[in-house]
Amino acid sequence: MTDPDTQLAVFGAALGILGGIGFPLFYKLRDDADQERLKEIREMNRQQFEETGQYMTEEEIAALRPKRYLDDKEFVDDD
């Protein structure tokens, strides 16, 4: 295993496997955390409505929930 080409191939394969598993896992964990945060915000919004009769504004909600990468994407079907 001292051949540099073999070492590079093994390293590349390991990196590919780690990236192929790690990136989707990371995004899934972030998505789960975002869904949990949305539940909390909805509960706060309901509670505020019960107390004041008004829902939170879009700005208040945006301040509580960090923007995600795909939030600004416009998905267009160009077929």
N, C-alpha and C. Protein backbone atom coordinates (compact mmCIF):
# COMPACT_ATOMS: atom_id res chain seq x y z
N MET A 1 0.84 -1.19 0.00
CA MET A 1 0.00 0.00 0.00
C MET A 1 0.88 1.25 0.00
N THR A 2 2.10 1.11 -0.37
CA THR A 2 2.99 2.26 -0.40
C THR A 2 2.96 2.97 -1.74
N ASP A 3 2.30 2.36 -2.71
CA ASP A 3 2.19 2.97 -4.03
C ASP A 3 1.34 4.25 -3.92
N PRO A 4 1.85 5.40 -4.35
CA PRO A 4 1.11 6.65 -4.23
C PRO A 4 -0.25 6.61 -4.95
N ASP A 5 -0.33 5.93 -6.07
CA ASP A 5 -1.61 5.85 -6.77
C ASP A 5 -2.65 5.08 -5.95
N THR A 6 -2.21 4.03 -5.30
CA THR A 6 -3.12 3.25 -4.45
C THR A 6 -3.56 4.07 -3.25
N GLN A 7 -2.64 4.78 -2.64
CA GLN A 7 -2.98 5.62 -1.50
C GLN A 7 -3.97 6.70 -1.90
N LEU A 8 -3.74 7.31 -3.06
CA LEU A 8 -4.65 8.35 -3.54
C LEU A 8 -6.02 7.77 -3.84
N ALA A 9 -6.07 6.58 -4.42
CA ALA A 9 -7.36 5.94 -4.73
C ALA A 9 -8.12 5.61 -3.45
N VAL A 10 -7.42 5.08 -2.45
CA VAL A 10 -8.07 4.74 -1.17
C VAL A 10 -8.55 6.02 -0.48
N PHE A 11 -7.72 7.04 -0.49
CA PHE A 11 -8.11 8.31 0.11
C PHE A 11 -9.33 8.91 -0.60
N GLY A 12 -9.32 8.89 -1.91
CA GLY A 12 -10.44 9.41 -2.68
C GLY A 12 -11.72 8.64 -2.44
N ALA A 13 -11.61 7.32 -2.36
CA ALA A 13 -12.79 6.49 -2.09
C ALA A 13 -13.34 6.77 -0.70
N ALA A 14 -12.45 6.87 0.29
CA ALA A 14 -12.90 7.16 1.66
C ALA A 14 -13.55 8.54 1.73
N LEU A 15 -12.95 9.50 1.08
CA LEU A 15 -13.52 10.84 1.07
C LEU A 15 -14.89 10.86 0.40
N GLY A 16 -15.03 10.12 -0.69
CA GLY A 16 -16.30 10.04 -1.38
C GLY A 16 -17.38 9.39 -0.54
N ILE A 17 -17.02 8.33 0.16
CA ILE A 17 -17.99 7.65 1.02
C ILE A 17 -18.40 8.55 2.18
N LEU A 18 -17.41 9.18 2.82
CA LEU A 18 -17.72 10.08 3.94
C LEU A 18 -18.58 11.26 3.48
N GLY A 19 -18.26 11.83 2.34
CA GLY A 19 -19.05 12.94 1.83
C GLY A 19 -20.44 12.50 1.40
N GLY A 20 -20.54 11.32 0.81
CA GLY A 20 -21.82 10.82 0.36
C GLY A 20 -22.76 10.51 1.50
N ILE A 21 -22.22 10.17 2.64
CA ILE A 21 -23.04 9.90 3.82
C ILE A 21 -23.16 11.15 4.69
N GLY A 22 -22.07 11.87 4.84
CA GLY A 22 -22.03 13.01 5.76
C GLY A 22 -22.87 14.20 5.34
N PHE A 23 -22.79 14.59 4.08
CA PHE A 23 -23.54 15.77 3.64
C PHE A 23 -25.05 15.60 3.75
N PRO A 24 -25.61 14.50 3.25
CA PRO A 24 -27.07 14.33 3.42
C PRO A 24 -27.47 14.23 4.90
N LEU A 25 -26.64 13.58 5.70
CA LEU A 25 -26.94 13.48 7.12
C LEU A 25 -26.95 14.86 7.77
N PHE A 26 -25.96 15.69 7.43
CA PHE A 26 -25.90 17.04 7.97
C PHE A 26 -27.14 17.85 7.58
N TYR A 27 -27.52 17.79 6.31
CA TYR A 27 -28.70 18.55 5.86
C TYR A 27 -29.98 18.02 6.49
N LYS A 28 -30.08 16.73 6.71
CA LYS A 28 -31.25 16.15 7.38
C LYS A 28 -31.33 16.64 8.81
N LEU A 29 -30.21 16.67 9.51
CA LEU A 29 -30.21 17.17 10.89
C LEU A 29 -30.59 18.64 10.95
N ARG A 30 -30.10 19.44 10.00
CA ARG A 30 -30.45 20.86 9.95
C ARG A 30 -31.93 21.04 9.64
N ASP A 31 -32.47 20.23 8.75
CA ASP A 31 -33.88 20.31 8.40
C ASP A 31 -34.75 19.92 9.59
N ASP A 32 -34.35 18.89 10.32
CA ASP A 32 -35.10 18.49 11.52
C ASP A 32 -35.08 19.60 12.57
N ALA A 33 -33.93 20.24 12.77
CA ALA A 33 -33.84 21.34 13.72
C ALA A 33 -34.72 22.51 13.28
N ASP A 34 -34.76 22.78 11.97
CA ASP A 34 -35.60 23.86 11.46
C ASP A 34 -37.08 23.55 11.66
N GLN A 35 -37.48 22.30 11.44
CA GLN A 35 -38.87 21.92 11.65
C GLN A 35 -39.26 22.08 13.12
N GLU A 36 -38.36 21.72 14.01
CA GLU A 36 -38.62 21.87 15.44
C GLU A 36 -38.75 23.36 15.80
N ARG A 37 -37.89 24.17 15.21
CA ARG A 37 -37.95 25.62 15.47
C ARG A 37 -39.26 26.19 14.93
N LEU A 38 -39.72 25.72 13.78
CA LEU A 38 -40.99 26.18 13.22
C LEU A 38 -42.16 25.84 14.15
N LYS A 39 -42.11 24.65 14.75
CA LYS A 39 -43.16 24.28 15.71
C LYS A 39 -43.18 25.25 16.88
N GLU A 40 -41.99 25.59 17.38
CA GLU A 40 -41.89 26.52 18.50
C GLU A 40 -42.44 27.90 18.11
N ILE A 41 -42.10 28.36 16.91
CA ILE A 41 -42.57 29.67 16.46
C ILE A 41 -44.09 29.68 16.29
N ARG A 42 -44.63 28.60 15.74
CA ARG A 42 -46.09 28.52 15.58
C ARG A 42 -46.79 28.56 16.94
N GLU A 43 -46.22 27.85 17.92
CA GLU A 43 -46.80 27.86 19.26
C GLU A 43 -46.73 29.27 19.87
N MET A 44 -45.60 29.94 19.68
CA MET A 44 -45.48 31.31 20.17
C MET A 44 -46.49 32.23 19.48
N ASN A 45 -46.71 32.01 18.18
CA ASN A 45 -47.64 32.82 17.41
C ASN A 45 -49.07 32.60 17.92
N ARG A 46 -49.44 31.35 18.17
CA ARG A 46 -50.78 31.06 18.72
C ARG A 46 -50.95 31.70 20.09
N GLN A 47 -49.91 31.60 20.91
CA GLN A 47 -49.96 32.17 22.26
C GLN A 47 -50.12 33.69 22.19
N GLN A 48 -49.39 34.32 21.29
CA GLN A 48 -49.51 35.78 21.14
C GLN A 48 -50.90 36.15 20.66
N PHE A 49 -51.47 35.35 19.75
CA PHE A 49 -52.82 35.64 19.25
C PHE A 49 -53.84 35.53 20.37
N GLU A 50 -53.69 34.54 21.24
CA GLU A 50 -54.61 34.40 22.37
C GLU A 50 -54.49 35.57 23.34
N GLU A 51 -53.28 36.07 23.52
CA GLU A 51 -53.06 37.16 24.47
C GLU A 51 -53.42 38.52 23.91
N THR A 52 -53.07 38.77 22.65
CA THR A 52 -53.24 40.12 22.09
C THR A 52 -54.28 40.21 20.99
N GLY A 53 -54.65 39.08 20.40
CA GLY A 53 -55.60 39.12 19.29
C GLY A 53 -54.93 39.40 17.95
N GLN A 54 -53.61 39.48 17.93
CA GLN A 54 -52.88 39.72 16.69
C GLN A 54 -51.78 38.68 16.54
N TYR A 55 -51.57 38.27 15.28
CA TYR A 55 -50.49 37.35 14.99
C TYR A 55 -49.18 38.12 14.87
N MET A 56 -48.07 37.39 14.93
CA MET A 56 -46.75 38.00 14.76
C MET A 56 -46.61 38.45 13.30
N THR A 57 -45.84 39.51 13.10
CA THR A 57 -45.60 40.00 11.74
C THR A 57 -44.55 39.12 11.06
N GLU A 58 -44.46 39.24 9.73
CA GLU A 58 -43.46 38.49 8.99
C GLU A 58 -42.05 38.84 9.45
N GLU A 59 -41.83 40.10 9.80
CA GLU A 59 -40.51 40.53 10.27
C GLU A 59 -40.15 39.87 11.60
N GLU A 60 -41.13 39.77 12.50
CA GLU A 60 -40.88 39.12 13.79
C GLU A 60 -40.55 37.63 13.59
N ILE A 61 -41.28 37.00 12.71
CA ILE A 61 -41.02 35.58 12.44
C ILE A 61 -39.65 35.40 11.80
N ALA A 62 -39.31 36.27 10.84
CA ALA A 62 -38.01 36.18 10.18
C ALA A 62 -36.86 36.40 11.17
N ALA A 63 -37.08 37.24 12.17
CA ALA A 63 -36.04 37.48 13.18
C ALA A 63 -35.84 36.24 14.06
N LEU A 64 -36.88 35.45 14.24
CA LEU A 64 -36.78 34.25 15.08
C LEU A 64 -36.26 33.03 14.32
N ARG A 65 -36.42 33.05 13.02
CA ARG A 65 -36.02 31.88 12.21
C ARG A 65 -34.96 32.30 11.21
N PRO A 66 -33.76 31.78 11.33
CA PRO A 66 -32.72 32.14 10.37
C PRO A 66 -33.08 31.69 8.96
N LYS A 67 -32.68 32.48 7.99
CA LYS A 67 -32.96 32.17 6.60
C LYS A 67 -32.13 30.98 6.15
N ARG A 68 -32.77 30.10 5.40
CA ARG A 68 -32.07 28.94 4.86
C ARG A 68 -31.73 29.20 3.41
N TYR A 69 -30.78 28.42 2.89
CA TYR A 69 -30.28 28.62 1.54
C TYR A 69 -31.38 28.54 0.49
N LEU A 70 -32.25 27.58 0.58
CA LEU A 70 -33.26 27.38 -0.45
C LEU A 70 -34.49 28.26 -0.27
N ASP A 71 -34.55 29.08 0.78
CA ASP A 71 -35.72 29.93 1.00
C ASP A 71 -35.90 30.96 -0.11
N ASP A 72 -34.81 31.42 -0.72
CA ASP A 72 -34.90 32.44 -1.77
C ASP A 72 -34.90 31.86 -3.18
N LYS A 73 -34.75 30.57 -3.30
CA LYS A 73 -34.69 29.95 -4.62
C LYS A 73 -36.07 29.95 -5.25
N GLU A 74 -36.09 30.25 -6.54
CA GLU A 74 -37.34 30.16 -7.30
C GLU A 74 -37.23 28.93 -8.19
N PHE A 75 -38.05 27.94 -7.92
CA PHE A 75 -37.99 26.72 -8.68
C PHE A 75 -38.90 26.85 -9.89
N VAL A 76 -38.28 26.79 -11.07
CA VAL A 76 -38.99 27.00 -12.31
C VAL A 76 -38.87 25.75 -13.18
N ASP A 77 -39.96 25.35 -13.75
CA ASP A 77 -39.95 24.21 -14.66
C ASP A 77 -39.79 24.75 -16.07
N ASP A 78 -38.62 24.53 -16.66
CA ASP A 78 -38.31 25.09 -17.98
C ASP A 78 -38.62 24.11 -19.12
N ASP A 79 -39.39 23.10 -18.83
CA ASP A 79 -39.69 22.11 -19.89
C ASP A 79 -40.58 22.69 -20.95
